[in-house]
Amino acid sequence: MRIFSGIQPTGRKHLGNYIGAIRQYVEGQDRAGASRHESIYCIVDLHAITVPYEPVELRERLYDTLTILLAAGLDPQRSILFRQGDVPEHAELCWLLSSVTALGELNRMHQFRDKSVAQRELVSAGLLFYPVLQAADVLAYRAGEVPVGEDQREHLELMREIARRFNARFGGDEEILVVPEHRIPPVGARIMDLQDPTRKMSTTGGSVEGTVYVLDDAMTIEKKVKRAVTDSEDPPVIRRGPDKPGVTNLIDILAACTGREPEAVAADFTQARGYGDLKAAVAEAVVAELAPVRERYDELRGDAAALEAILAEGAERARGLARATLTDVRAAMGVGPAA
């Protein structure tokens, strides 16, 4: 079984990205290696151009993202790690899959509706077709597992439907495209903004004060966590629940960073003096989790040539896999010369 996932190069990577995606990539790499399967991770620069952006900044952010992935533990010798734009098979497969994708399905995607409302000038067709390209990203590698955050569940369901529809229309008795399964972390799948715990932690839609960045130093992390919004319950009660989003978020962060169940974490604070005890523990755990990544990042980020070499090698390996799938897809659809 192959594992595949893609990550946006835009924005500064934050704690939610790290817990919900990046740590999953490393864990997937370890599982794939143990079972002699392949883990494939892609930095999706083609997705990033569907909204307004600066070309120079895009490239720098891509290097930032790659370096964070390496610093977190991804090993180019154990995983295939590449830049989406270096493998043109993604774009071609996207076009071919558009023939089995309903326009109404794309119009109903929450991400398209949210981002199109936010656009003040041009709502690009690329923004509408984003889920089809995302489907091509995964289906090109016949991946069986896709590590994603909770917010990508809708796109994964569409991807699965596209694969099923293609197989039914063109596959005959053969399953040409693999219908993938999602893998969402049991703890920390949705880390919330520390200042507004009803909103997901986000580079673009959240607050700077409520967003812990992977590259924040220890003092900054402690300051942000200690200012996190909780609630006014008196006396303070540390428990999880929909009526306590701020406290629930802190418990989930602590659980994710320490590898424990949220209920067990909450039980540790039954005798706490207040929310300050919880915040202090969260800050300490987050600092311990991110400090090694920040240190390794500083060692790696300055060598752009080495980063490009990693991307080039990964793209060559990825193209070999994607080309085989595309050949089968084209043959099944009657596109190009007969085999």
C-alpha atoms as a PDB file:
ATOM      1  CA  MET A   1       0.000   0.000   0.000  1.00  0.00           C
ATOM      2  CA  ARG A   2       1.234   3.470  -0.862  1.00  0.00           C
ATOM      3  CA  ILE A   3       0.766   6.485   1.377  1.00  0.00           C
ATOM      4  CA  PHE A   4       0.384   9.904  -0.268  1.00  0.00           C
ATOM      5  CA  SER A   5      -0.276  13.396   0.998  1.00  0.00           C
ATOM      6  CA  GLY A   6       0.320  16.945  -0.169  1.00  0.00           C
ATOM      7  CA  ILE A   7       1.015  20.139   1.750  1.00  0.00           C
ATOM      8  CA  GLN A   8       0.592  23.758   0.717  1.00  0.00           C
ATOM      9  CA  PRO A   9       3.768  25.846   0.523  1.00  0.00           C
ATOM     10  CA  THR A  10       1.923  29.066   1.322  1.00  0.00           C
ATOM     11  CA  GLY A  11       1.992  30.700   4.737  1.00  0.00           C
ATOM     12  CA  ARG A  12       4.030  29.957   7.821  1.00  0.00           C
ATOM     13  CA  LYS A  13       3.470  26.451   9.132  1.00  0.00           C
ATOM     14  CA  HIS A  14       1.773  26.365  12.506  1.00  0.00           C
ATOM     15  CA  LEU A  15       1.065  23.901  15.294  1.00  0.00           C
ATOM     16  CA  GLY A  16      -2.118  22.684  13.608  1.00  0.00           C
ATOM     17  CA  ASN A  17      -0.201  21.843  10.414  1.00  0.00           C
ATOM     18  CA  TYR A  18       2.470  20.112  12.453  1.00  0.00           C
ATOM     19  CA  ILE A  19       0.160  17.922  14.557  1.00  0.00           C
ATOM     20  CA  GLY A  20      -2.500  17.299  11.922  1.00  0.00           C
ATOM     21  CA  ALA A  21      -0.250  16.661   8.926  1.00  0.00           C
ATOM     22  CA  ILE A  22       3.527  16.816   9.304  1.00  0.00           C
ATOM     23  CA  ARG A  23       3.780  14.406  12.228  1.00  0.00           C
ATOM     24  CA  GLN A  24       1.481  12.049  10.346  1.00  0.00           C
ATOM     25  CA  TYR A  25       3.869  12.124   7.393  1.00  0.00           C
ATOM     26  CA  VAL A  26       6.779  11.022   9.562  1.00  0.00           C
ATOM     27  CA  GLU A  27       4.684   8.328  11.201  1.00  0.00           C
ATOM     28  CA  GLY A  28       3.524   7.151   7.772  1.00  0.00           C
ATOM     29  CA  GLN A  29       7.109   7.031   6.557  1.00  0.00           C
ATOM     30  CA  ASP A  30       7.983   4.771   9.483  1.00  0.00           C
ATOM     31  CA  ARG A  31       4.997   2.484   8.932  1.00  0.00           C
ATOM     32  CA  ALA A  32       5.609   2.261   5.195  1.00  0.00           C
ATOM     33  CA  GLY A  33       9.265   1.421   5.740  1.00  0.00           C
ATOM     34  CA  ALA A  34       8.439  -1.296   8.236  1.00  0.00           C
ATOM     35  CA  SER A  35       6.071  -2.967   5.759  1.00  0.00           C
ATOM     36  CA  ARG A  36       8.207  -2.236   2.675  1.00  0.00           C
ATOM     37  CA  HIS A  37       5.589   0.069   1.207  1.00  0.00           C
ATOM     38  CA  GLU A  38       6.090   3.558  -0.240  1.00  0.00           C
ATOM     39  CA  SER A  39       5.368   6.915   1.346  1.00  0.00           C
ATOM     40  CA  ILE A  40       5.027   9.846  -1.065  1.00  0.00           C
ATOM     41  CA  TYR A  41       4.787  13.507  -0.007  1.00  0.00           C
ATOM     42  CA  CYS A  42       4.250  16.430  -2.330  1.00  0.00           C
ATOM     43  CA  ILE A  43       4.566  20.200  -1.844  1.00  0.00           C
ATOM     44  CA  VAL A  44       1.623  21.428  -3.903  1.00  0.00           C
ATOM     45  CA  ASP A  45       2.765  24.637  -5.582  1.00  0.00           C
ATOM     46  CA  LEU A  46       0.141  24.273  -8.352  1.00  0.00           C
ATOM     47  CA  HIS A  47      -2.606  24.462  -5.742  1.00  0.00           C
ATOM     48  CA  ALA A  48      -1.022  27.587  -4.283  1.00  0.00           C
ATOM     49  CA  ILE A  49      -1.498  29.606  -7.488  1.00  0.00           C
ATOM     50  CA  THR A  50      -5.313  29.342  -7.397  1.00  0.00           C
ATOM     51  CA  VAL A  51      -5.430  32.432  -5.144  1.00  0.00           C
ATOM     52  CA  PRO A  52      -3.466  35.728  -5.362  1.00  0.00           C
ATOM     53  CA  TYR A  53       0.228  35.234  -4.560  1.00  0.00           C
ATOM     54  CA  GLU A  54       3.713  36.653  -5.152  1.00  0.00           C
ATOM     55  CA  PRO A  55       5.959  34.396  -7.290  1.00  0.00           C
ATOM     56  CA  VAL A  56       9.161  35.151  -5.371  1.00  0.00           C
ATOM     57  CA  GLU A  57       7.459  34.555  -2.039  1.00  0.00           C
ATOM     58  CA  LEU A  58       5.953  31.272  -3.305  1.00  0.00           C
ATOM     59  CA  ARG A  59       9.381  29.847  -4.001  1.00  0.00           C
ATOM     60  CA  GLU A  60      10.768  30.960  -0.640  1.00  0.00           C
ATOM     61  CA  ARG A  61       7.793  29.534   1.227  1.00  0.00           C
ATOM     62  CA  LEU A  62       8.224  26.281  -0.668  1.00  0.00           C
ATOM     63  CA  TYR A  63      11.814  26.048   0.570  1.00  0.00           C
ATOM     64  CA  ASP A  64      10.586  26.885   4.080  1.00  0.00           C
ATOM     65  CA  THR A  65       8.016  24.092   3.908  1.00  0.00           C
ATOM     66  CA  LEU A  66      10.477  21.556   2.546  1.00  0.00           C
ATOM     67  CA  THR A  67      12.974  22.407   5.273  1.00  0.00           C
ATOM     68  CA  ILE A  68      10.356  22.019   8.003  1.00  0.00           C
ATOM     69  CA  LEU A  69       9.407  18.595   6.611  1.00  0.00           C
ATOM     70  CA  LEU A  70      13.053  17.543   6.649  1.00  0.00           C
ATOM     71  CA  ALA A  71      13.602  18.999  10.114  1.00  0.00           C
ATOM     72  CA  ALA A  72      10.549  17.129  11.418  1.00  0.00           C
ATOM     73  CA  GLY A  73      11.998  13.807  10.294  1.00  0.00           C
ATOM     74  CA  LEU A  74      11.092  13.137   6.664  1.00  0.00           C
ATOM     75  CA  ASP A  75      13.995  11.378   4.974  1.00  0.00           C
ATOM     76  CA  PRO A  76      14.318  11.652   1.158  1.00  0.00           C
ATOM     77  CA  GLN A  77      15.985   8.240   1.162  1.00  0.00           C
ATOM     78  CA  ARG A  78      12.984   6.636   2.841  1.00  0.00           C
ATOM     79  CA  SER A  79      10.168   8.660   1.265  1.00  0.00           C
ATOM     80  CA  ILE A  80       9.538  10.277  -2.100  1.00  0.00           C
ATOM     81  CA  LEU A  81       9.498  14.018  -1.457  1.00  0.00           C
ATOM     82  CA  PHE A  82       8.903  16.354  -4.403  1.00  0.00           C
ATOM     83  CA  ARG A  83       7.394  19.545  -5.799  1.00  0.00           C
ATOM     84  CA  GLN A  84       4.054  19.110  -7.553  1.00  0.00           C
ATOM     85  CA  GLY A  85       4.929  21.435 -10.440  1.00  0.00           C
ATOM     86  CA  ASP A  86       7.914  19.244 -11.367  1.00  0.00           C
ATOM     87  CA  VAL A  87       5.635  16.315 -12.276  1.00  0.00           C
ATOM     88  CA  PRO A  88       3.390  17.383 -15.202  1.00  0.00           C
ATOM     89  CA  GLU A  89       1.449  14.120 -15.012  1.00  0.00           C
ATOM     90  CA  HIS A  90      -0.583  15.698 -12.187  1.00  0.00           C
ATOM     91  CA  ALA A  91      -1.951  18.415 -14.450  1.00  0.00           C
ATOM     92  CA  GLU A  92      -2.729  16.046 -17.326  1.00  0.00           C
ATOM     93  CA  LEU A  93      -4.488  13.565 -15.079  1.00  0.00           C
ATOM     94  CA  CYS A  94      -6.496  16.427 -13.575  1.00  0.00           C
ATOM     95  CA  TRP A  95      -7.841  17.266 -17.041  1.00  0.00           C
ATOM     96  CA  LEU A  96      -8.665  13.646 -17.807  1.00  0.00           C
ATOM     97  CA  LEU A  97     -10.467  13.216 -14.476  1.00  0.00           C
ATOM     98  CA  SER A  98     -12.513  16.348 -15.101  1.00  0.00           C
ATOM     99  CA  SER A  99     -14.508  14.240 -17.572  1.00  0.00           C
ATOM    100  CA  VAL A 100     -15.919  12.191 -14.676  1.00  0.00           C
ATOM    101  CA  THR A 101     -16.373  15.089 -12.227  1.00  0.00           C
ATOM    102  CA  ALA A 102     -19.715  16.864 -11.960  1.00  0.00           C
ATOM    103  CA  LEU A 103     -19.711  20.660 -11.967  1.00  0.00           C
ATOM    104  CA  GLY A 104     -22.312  20.678  -9.219  1.00  0.00           C
ATOM    105  CA  GLU A 105     -19.993  18.705  -6.950  1.00  0.00           C
ATOM    106  CA  LEU A 106     -17.287  21.326  -7.324  1.00  0.00           C
ATOM    107  CA  ASN A 107     -19.695  24.202  -6.729  1.00  0.00           C
ATOM    108  CA  ARG A 108     -20.782  22.633  -3.437  1.00  0.00           C
ATOM    109  CA  MET A 109     -17.259  22.336  -1.993  1.00  0.00           C
ATOM    110  CA  HIS A 110     -17.026  24.418   1.186  1.00  0.00           C
ATOM    111  CA  GLN A 111     -13.479  25.532   0.424  1.00  0.00           C
ATOM    112  CA  PHE A 112     -14.510  26.905  -2.967  1.00  0.00           C
ATOM    113  CA  ARG A 113     -17.457  28.780  -1.518  1.00  0.00           C
ATOM    114  CA  ASP A 114     -15.424  30.238   1.343  1.00  0.00           C
ATOM    115  CA  LYS A 115     -12.437  31.291  -0.750  1.00  0.00           C
ATOM    116  CA  SER A 116     -14.475  32.604  -3.667  1.00  0.00           C
ATOM    117  CA  VAL A 117     -16.380  34.904  -1.306  1.00  0.00           C
ATOM    118  CA  ALA A 118     -13.063  36.192   0.024  1.00  0.00           C
ATOM    119  CA  GLN A 119     -11.750  37.037  -3.460  1.00  0.00           C
ATOM    120  CA  ARG A 120     -12.222  40.695  -4.297  1.00  0.00           C
ATOM    121  CA  GLU A 121     -11.049  40.672  -7.920  1.00  0.00           C
ATOM    122  CA  LEU A 122     -10.813  37.333  -9.715  1.00  0.00           C
ATOM    123  CA  VAL A 123     -12.350  34.019  -8.708  1.00  0.00           C
ATOM    124  CA  SER A 124     -10.179  31.690 -10.771  1.00  0.00           C
ATOM    125  CA  ALA A 125     -11.344  28.524 -12.497  1.00  0.00           C
ATOM    126  CA  GLY A 126      -8.363  26.908 -10.782  1.00  0.00           C
ATOM    127  CA  LEU A 127     -10.013  27.496  -7.424  1.00  0.00           C
ATOM    128  CA  LEU A 128     -13.073  25.613  -8.650  1.00  0.00           C
ATOM    129  CA  PHE A 129     -10.970  22.756 -10.063  1.00  0.00           C
ATOM    130  CA  TYR A 130      -8.768  22.512  -6.969  1.00  0.00           C
ATOM    131  CA  PRO A 131     -10.425  19.246  -5.771  1.00  0.00           C
ATOM    132  CA  VAL A 132      -9.934  17.596  -9.185  1.00  0.00           C
ATOM    133  CA  LEU A 133      -6.225  18.388  -9.134  1.00  0.00           C
ATOM    134  CA  GLN A 134      -6.103  17.140  -5.553  1.00  0.00           C
ATOM    135  CA  ALA A 135      -7.716  13.898  -6.719  1.00  0.00           C
ATOM    136  CA  ALA A 136      -5.128  13.614  -9.490  1.00  0.00           C
ATOM    137  CA  ASP A 137      -2.335  14.144  -6.960  1.00  0.00           C
ATOM    138  CA  VAL A 138      -3.374  11.044  -5.043  1.00  0.00           C
ATOM    139  CA  LEU A 139      -4.824   8.840  -7.769  1.00  0.00           C
ATOM    140  CA  ALA A 140      -1.700   9.231  -9.916  1.00  0.00           C
ATOM    141  CA  TYR A 141       0.158   7.092  -7.375  1.00  0.00           C
ATOM    142  CA  ARG A 142      -2.602   4.574  -6.709  1.00  0.00           C
ATOM    143  CA  ALA A 143      -2.226   5.437  -3.037  1.00  0.00           C
ATOM    144  CA  GLY A 144      -4.334   3.489  -0.576  1.00  0.00           C
ATOM    145  CA  GLU A 145      -3.931   5.873   2.349  1.00  0.00           C
ATOM    146  CA  VAL A 146      -4.055   9.659   2.545  1.00  0.00           C
ATOM    147  CA  PRO A 147      -3.084  11.357   5.829  1.00  0.00           C
ATOM    148  CA  VAL A 148      -5.206  14.525   6.086  1.00  0.00           C
ATOM    149  CA  GLY A 149      -6.684  16.910   8.589  1.00  0.00           C
ATOM    150  CA  GLU A 150     -10.377  16.919   9.414  1.00  0.00           C
ATOM    151  CA  ASP A 151     -10.936  19.921   7.106  1.00  0.00           C
ATOM    152  CA  GLN A 152      -9.991  17.822   4.043  1.00  0.00           C
ATOM    153  CA  ARG A 153     -12.548  15.066   4.606  1.00  0.00           C
ATOM    154  CA  GLU A 154     -14.943  16.568   2.048  1.00  0.00           C
ATOM    155  CA  HIS A 155     -12.268  16.623  -0.654  1.00  0.00           C
ATOM    156  CA  LEU A 156     -11.302  13.034   0.125  1.00  0.00           C
ATOM    157  CA  GLU A 157     -14.880  11.880  -0.327  1.00  0.00           C
ATOM    158  CA  LEU A 158     -15.049  13.568  -3.725  1.00  0.00           C
ATOM    159  CA  MET A 159     -11.712  12.001  -4.660  1.00  0.00           C
ATOM    160  CA  ARG A 160     -13.066   8.564  -3.786  1.00  0.00           C
ATOM    161  CA  GLU A 161     -16.184   9.198  -5.857  1.00  0.00           C
ATOM    162  CA  ILE A 162     -14.078  10.309  -8.846  1.00  0.00           C
ATOM    163  CA  ALA A 163     -12.034   7.096  -8.662  1.00  0.00           C
ATOM    164  CA  ARG A 164     -15.143   4.925  -8.406  1.00  0.00           C
ATOM    165  CA  ARG A 165     -16.821   6.760 -11.261  1.00  0.00           C
ATOM    166  CA  PHE A 166     -13.754   6.449 -13.491  1.00  0.00           C
ATOM    167  CA  ASN A 167     -13.426   2.728 -12.804  1.00  0.00           C
ATOM    168  CA  ALA A 168     -17.113   2.158 -13.531  1.00  0.00           C
ATOM    169  CA  ARG A 169     -16.974   4.154 -16.770  1.00  0.00           C
ATOM    170  CA  PHE A 170     -13.615   3.027 -18.177  1.00  0.00           C
ATOM    171  CA  GLY A 171     -12.284   0.146 -16.099  1.00  0.00           C
ATOM    172  CA  GLY A 172     -14.494  -2.734 -17.137  1.00  0.00           C
ATOM    173  CA  ASP A 173     -13.464  -5.605 -14.880  1.00  0.00           C
ATOM    174  CA  GLU A 174     -10.253  -3.828 -13.888  1.00  0.00           C
ATOM    175  CA  GLU A 175      -9.741  -1.330 -11.072  1.00  0.00           C
ATOM    176  CA  ILE A 176      -7.512   1.169 -12.855  1.00  0.00           C
ATOM    177  CA  LEU A 177      -7.580   3.740 -10.060  1.00  0.00           C
ATOM    178  CA  VAL A 178      -7.305   2.840  -6.387  1.00  0.00           C
ATOM    179  CA  VAL A 179     -10.064   4.228  -4.160  1.00  0.00           C
ATOM    180  CA  PRO A 180      -8.063   5.717  -1.266  1.00  0.00           C
ATOM    181  CA  GLU A 181      -8.846   5.755   2.429  1.00  0.00           C
ATOM    182  CA  HIS A 182      -8.255   8.816   4.600  1.00  0.00           C
ATOM    183  CA  ARG A 183      -6.228   8.714   7.806  1.00  0.00           C
ATOM    184  CA  ILE A 184      -7.149  11.414  10.301  1.00  0.00           C
ATOM    185  CA  PRO A 185      -5.219  11.549  13.585  1.00  0.00           C
ATOM    186  CA  PRO A 186      -7.355  10.455  16.568  1.00  0.00           C
ATOM    187  CA  VAL A 187      -6.018  13.361  18.645  1.00  0.00           C
ATOM    188  CA  GLY A 188      -5.223  16.823  17.337  1.00  0.00           C
ATOM    189  CA  ALA A 189      -6.988  16.525  13.975  1.00  0.00           C
ATOM    190  CA  ARG A 190      -8.338  20.043  14.434  1.00  0.00           C
ATOM    191  CA  ILE A 191      -6.227  22.475  16.476  1.00  0.00           C
ATOM    192  CA  MET A 192      -8.071  25.710  17.172  1.00  0.00           C
ATOM    193  CA  ASP A 193      -6.927  29.326  17.376  1.00  0.00           C
ATOM    194  CA  LEU A 194      -5.796  30.151  20.918  1.00  0.00           C
ATOM    195  CA  GLN A 195      -7.567  33.515  20.838  1.00  0.00           C
ATOM    196  CA  ASP A 196     -10.730  32.273  19.127  1.00  0.00           C
ATOM    197  CA  PRO A 197     -11.161  28.564  19.902  1.00  0.00           C
ATOM    198  CA  THR A 198     -14.266  28.379  17.711  1.00  0.00           C
ATOM    199  CA  ARG A 199     -12.031  28.812  14.629  1.00  0.00           C
ATOM    200  CA  LYS A 200      -9.356  26.504  13.313  1.00  0.00           C
ATOM    201  CA  MET A 201      -5.756  27.632  13.761  1.00  0.00           C
ATOM    202  CA  SER A 202      -4.865  29.119  10.393  1.00  0.00           C
ATOM    203  CA  THR A 203      -2.124  31.081   8.693  1.00  0.00           C
ATOM    204  CA  THR A 204      -4.600  33.165   6.708  1.00  0.00           C
ATOM    205  CA  GLY A 205      -7.825  33.284   8.689  1.00  0.00           C
ATOM    206  CA  GLY A 206      -6.627  33.250  12.287  1.00  0.00           C
ATOM    207  CA  SER A 207      -4.961  35.702  14.633  1.00  0.00           C
ATOM    208  CA  VAL A 208      -1.195  36.047  15.019  1.00  0.00           C
ATOM    209  CA  GLU A 209      -1.584  35.964  18.813  1.00  0.00           C
ATOM    210  CA  GLY A 210      -3.653  32.784  18.616  1.00  0.00           C
ATOM    211  CA  THR A 211      -1.410  30.947  16.168  1.00  0.00           C
ATOM    212  CA  VAL A 212       1.673  29.045  17.348  1.00  0.00           C
ATOM    213  CA  TYR A 213       4.117  28.794  14.464  1.00  0.00           C
ATOM    214  CA  VAL A 214       6.486  25.846  14.131  1.00  0.00           C
ATOM    215  CA  LEU A 215       9.445  28.229  14.097  1.00  0.00           C
ATOM    216  CA  ASP A 216       8.360  30.330  17.102  1.00  0.00           C
ATOM    217  CA  ASP A 217      10.953  30.477  19.872  1.00  0.00           C
ATOM    218  CA  ALA A 218      10.226  29.202  23.378  1.00  0.00           C
ATOM    219  CA  MET A 219       9.449  32.627  24.824  1.00  0.00           C
ATOM    220  CA  THR A 220       6.950  33.417  22.065  1.00  0.00           C
ATOM    221  CA  ILE A 221       5.211  30.059  22.459  1.00  0.00           C
ATOM    222  CA  GLU A 222       4.905  30.497  26.230  1.00  0.00           C
ATOM    223  CA  LYS A 223       3.496  33.993  25.789  1.00  0.00           C
ATOM    224  CA  LYS A 224       0.865  32.879  23.272  1.00  0.00           C
ATOM    225  CA  VAL A 225      -0.234  29.843  25.277  1.00  0.00           C
ATOM    226  CA  LYS A 226      -0.468  31.727  28.557  1.00  0.00           C
ATOM    227  CA  ARG A 227      -2.717  34.304  26.878  1.00  0.00           C
ATOM    228  CA  ALA A 228      -4.985  31.614  25.406  1.00  0.00           C
ATOM    229  CA  VAL A 229      -8.715  32.167  25.838  1.00  0.00           C
ATOM    230  CA  THR A 230     -10.406  29.742  28.224  1.00  0.00           C
ATOM    231  CA  ASP A 231     -13.723  30.655  29.914  1.00  0.00           C
ATOM    232  CA  SER A 232     -15.150  32.388  32.977  1.00  0.00           C
ATOM    233  CA  GLU A 233     -16.395  29.325  34.863  1.00  0.00           C
ATOM    234  CA  ASP A 234     -15.807  29.874  38.594  1.00  0.00           C
ATOM    235  CA  PRO A 235     -14.279  27.901  40.088  1.00  0.00           C
ATOM    236  CA  PRO A 236     -12.359  26.874  36.929  1.00  0.00           C
ATOM    237  CA  VAL A 237     -13.104  23.344  35.727  1.00  0.00           C
ATOM    238  CA  ILE A 238     -10.632  21.638  33.416  1.00  0.00           C
ATOM    239  CA  ARG A 239     -12.592  19.279  31.206  1.00  0.00           C
ATOM    240  CA  ARG A 240     -13.419  18.727  27.549  1.00  0.00           C
ATOM    241  CA  GLY A 241     -16.796  19.647  26.138  1.00  0.00           C
ATOM    242  CA  PRO A 242     -18.557  21.686  23.434  1.00  0.00           C
ATOM    243  CA  ASP A 243     -19.363  24.341  26.025  1.00  0.00           C
ATOM    244  CA  LYS A 244     -15.642  24.761  26.818  1.00  0.00           C
ATOM    245  CA  PRO A 245     -13.884  25.166  23.437  1.00  0.00           C
ATOM    246  CA  GLY A 246     -10.841  26.985  24.788  1.00  0.00           C
ATOM    247  CA  VAL A 247     -10.118  24.469  27.529  1.00  0.00           C
ATOM    248  CA  THR A 248     -10.858  21.560  25.186  1.00  0.00           C
ATOM    249  CA  ASN A 249      -8.358  22.933  22.680  1.00  0.00           C
ATOM    250  CA  LEU A 250      -5.614  23.197  25.302  1.00  0.00           C
ATOM    251  CA  ILE A 251      -6.285  19.661  26.528  1.00  0.00           C
ATOM    252  CA  ASP A 252      -6.149  18.323  22.969  1.00  0.00           C
ATOM    253  CA  ILE A 253      -2.872  20.122  22.261  1.00  0.00           C
ATOM    254  CA  LEU A 254      -1.318  18.731  25.428  1.00  0.00           C
ATOM    255  CA  ALA A 255      -2.590  15.236  24.610  1.00  0.00           C
ATOM    256  CA  ALA A 256      -1.199  15.403  21.062  1.00  0.00           C
ATOM    257  CA  CYS A 257       2.212  16.640  22.225  1.00  0.00           C
ATOM    258  CA  THR A 258       2.541  14.049  24.981  1.00  0.00           C
ATOM    259  CA  GLY A 259       1.003  11.071  23.164  1.00  0.00           C
ATOM    260  CA  ARG A 260      -1.759  10.568  25.723  1.00  0.00           C
ATOM    261  CA  GLU A 261      -5.548  10.370  25.592  1.00  0.00           C
ATOM    262  CA  PRO A 262      -7.321  13.699  26.189  1.00  0.00           C
ATOM    263  CA  GLU A 263      -9.418  12.218  28.987  1.00  0.00           C
ATOM    264  CA  ALA A 264      -6.277  11.116  30.824  1.00  0.00           C
ATOM    265  CA  VAL A 265      -4.772  14.570  30.422  1.00  0.00           C
ATOM    266  CA  ALA A 266      -7.895  16.220  31.813  1.00  0.00           C
ATOM    267  CA  ALA A 267      -7.890  13.844  34.773  1.00  0.00           C
ATOM    268  CA  ASP A 268      -4.412  15.083  35.723  1.00  0.00           C
ATOM    269  CA  PHE A 269      -5.824  18.544  36.401  1.00  0.00           C
ATOM    270  CA  THR A 270      -8.743  17.726  38.669  1.00  0.00           C
ATOM    271  CA  GLN A 271      -6.840  19.318  41.564  1.00  0.00           C
ATOM    272  CA  ALA A 272      -5.390  22.192  39.550  1.00  0.00           C
ATOM    273  CA  ARG A 273      -5.465  25.667  41.059  1.00  0.00           C
ATOM    274  CA  GLY A 274      -6.828  27.107  37.812  1.00  0.00           C
ATOM    275  CA  TYR A 275      -6.370  27.361  34.088  1.00  0.00           C
ATOM    276  CA  GLY A 276      -2.861  28.705  34.595  1.00  0.00           C
ATOM    277  CA  ASP A 277      -1.629  25.231  35.557  1.00  0.00           C
ATOM    278  CA  LEU A 278      -3.022  23.797  32.311  1.00  0.00           C
ATOM    279  CA  LYS A 279      -1.520  26.585  30.226  1.00  0.00           C
ATOM    280  CA  ALA A 280       1.905  26.139  31.812  1.00  0.00           C
ATOM    281  CA  ALA A 281       1.856  22.417  31.034  1.00  0.00           C
ATOM    282  CA  VAL A 282       0.728  23.049  27.443  1.00  0.00           C
ATOM    283  CA  ALA A 283       3.432  25.653  26.868  1.00  0.00           C
ATOM    284  CA  GLU A 284       6.116  23.330  28.193  1.00  0.00           C
ATOM    285  CA  ALA A 285       4.931  20.437  26.022  1.00  0.00           C
ATOM    286  CA  VAL A 286       4.682  22.536  22.843  1.00  0.00           C
ATOM    287  CA  VAL A 287       8.141  24.019  23.358  1.00  0.00           C
ATOM    288  CA  ALA A 288       9.592  20.526  23.858  1.00  0.00           C
ATOM    289  CA  GLU A 289       7.833  19.281  20.724  1.00  0.00           C
ATOM    290  CA  LEU A 290       8.873  22.088  18.392  1.00  0.00           C
ATOM    291  CA  ALA A 291      12.357  23.052  19.642  1.00  0.00           C
ATOM    292  CA  PRO A 292      14.213  20.198  17.851  1.00  0.00           C
ATOM    293  CA  VAL A 293      12.409  21.037  14.595  1.00  0.00           C
ATOM    294  CA  ARG A 294      13.363  24.714  14.825  1.00  0.00           C
ATOM    295  CA  GLU A 295      16.998  23.871  15.563  1.00  0.00           C
ATOM    296  CA  ARG A 296      17.254  21.447  12.657  1.00  0.00           C
ATOM    297  CA  TYR A 297      15.506  23.947  10.371  1.00  0.00           C
ATOM    298  CA  ASP A 298      18.176  26.545  11.090  1.00  0.00           C
ATOM    299  CA  GLU A 299      20.848  24.046  10.061  1.00  0.00           C
ATOM    300  CA  LEU A 300      19.213  23.159   6.735  1.00  0.00           C
ATOM    301  CA  ARG A 301      17.425  26.221   5.381  1.00  0.00           C
ATOM    302  CA  GLY A 302      20.407  28.135   4.001  1.00  0.00           C
ATOM    303  CA  ASP A 303      21.416  25.591   1.341  1.00  0.00           C
ATOM    304  CA  ALA A 304      18.970  26.202  -1.525  1.00  0.00           C
ATOM    305  CA  ALA A 305      21.008  24.045  -3.914  1.00  0.00           C
ATOM    306  CA  ALA A 306      20.730  21.047  -1.598  1.00  0.00           C
ATOM    307  CA  LEU A 307      16.983  21.604  -1.261  1.00  0.00           C
ATOM    308  CA  GLU A 308      16.573  21.739  -5.047  1.00  0.00           C
ATOM    309  CA  ALA A 309      18.574  18.537  -5.399  1.00  0.00           C
ATOM    310  CA  ILE A 310      16.198  16.779  -2.999  1.00  0.00           C
ATOM    311  CA  LEU A 311      13.182  18.021  -4.965  1.00  0.00           C
ATOM    312  CA  ALA A 312      14.676  17.008  -8.312  1.00  0.00           C
ATOM    313  CA  GLU A 313      15.499  13.492  -7.165  1.00  0.00           C
ATOM    314  CA  GLY A 314      12.040  13.083  -5.643  1.00  0.00           C
ATOM    315  CA  ALA A 315      10.349  14.349  -8.814  1.00  0.00           C
ATOM    316  CA  GLU A 316      12.216  11.831 -10.961  1.00  0.00           C
ATOM    317  CA  ARG A 317      11.069   8.970  -8.736  1.00  0.00           C
ATOM    318  CA  ALA A 318       7.511  10.324  -8.598  1.00  0.00           C
ATOM    319  CA  ARG A 319       7.260  10.715 -12.373  1.00  0.00           C
ATOM    320  CA  GLY A 320       8.065   7.052 -12.884  1.00  0.00           C
ATOM    321  CA  LEU A 321       5.084   6.052 -10.747  1.00  0.00           C
ATOM    322  CA  ALA A 322       2.687   8.701 -12.084  1.00  0.00           C
ATOM    323  CA  ARG A 323       3.587   7.965 -15.703  1.00  0.00           C
ATOM    324  CA  ALA A 324       2.583   4.327 -15.320  1.00  0.00           C
ATOM    325  CA  THR A 325      -0.854   5.306 -14.004  1.00  0.00           C
ATOM    326  CA  LEU A 326      -1.336   7.942 -16.685  1.00  0.00           C
ATOM    327  CA  THR A 327      -0.473   5.448 -19.406  1.00  0.00           C
ATOM    328  CA  ASP A 328      -3.220   3.128 -18.156  1.00  0.00           C
ATOM    329  CA  VAL A 329      -5.721   5.988 -17.833  1.00  0.00           C
ATOM    330  CA  ARG A 330      -5.050   7.276 -21.345  1.00  0.00           C
ATOM    331  CA  ALA A 331      -5.360   3.767 -22.801  1.00  0.00           C
ATOM    332  CA  ALA A 332      -8.646   3.119 -21.007  1.00  0.00           C
ATOM    333  CA  MET A 333     -10.071   6.453 -22.183  1.00  0.00           C
ATOM    334  CA  GLY A 334      -8.920   6.030 -25.779  1.00  0.00           C
ATOM    335  CA  VAL A 335      -6.684   9.103 -25.582  1.00  0.00           C
ATOM    336  CA  GLY A 336      -3.567   9.108 -27.746  1.00  0.00           C
ATOM    337  CA  PRO A 337      -2.289   6.260 -29.976  1.00  0.00           C
ATOM    338  CA  ALA A 338      -3.355   2.673 -29.376  1.00  0.00           C
ATOM    339  CA  ALA A 339      -0.912   0.651 -27.307  1.00  0.00           C
END
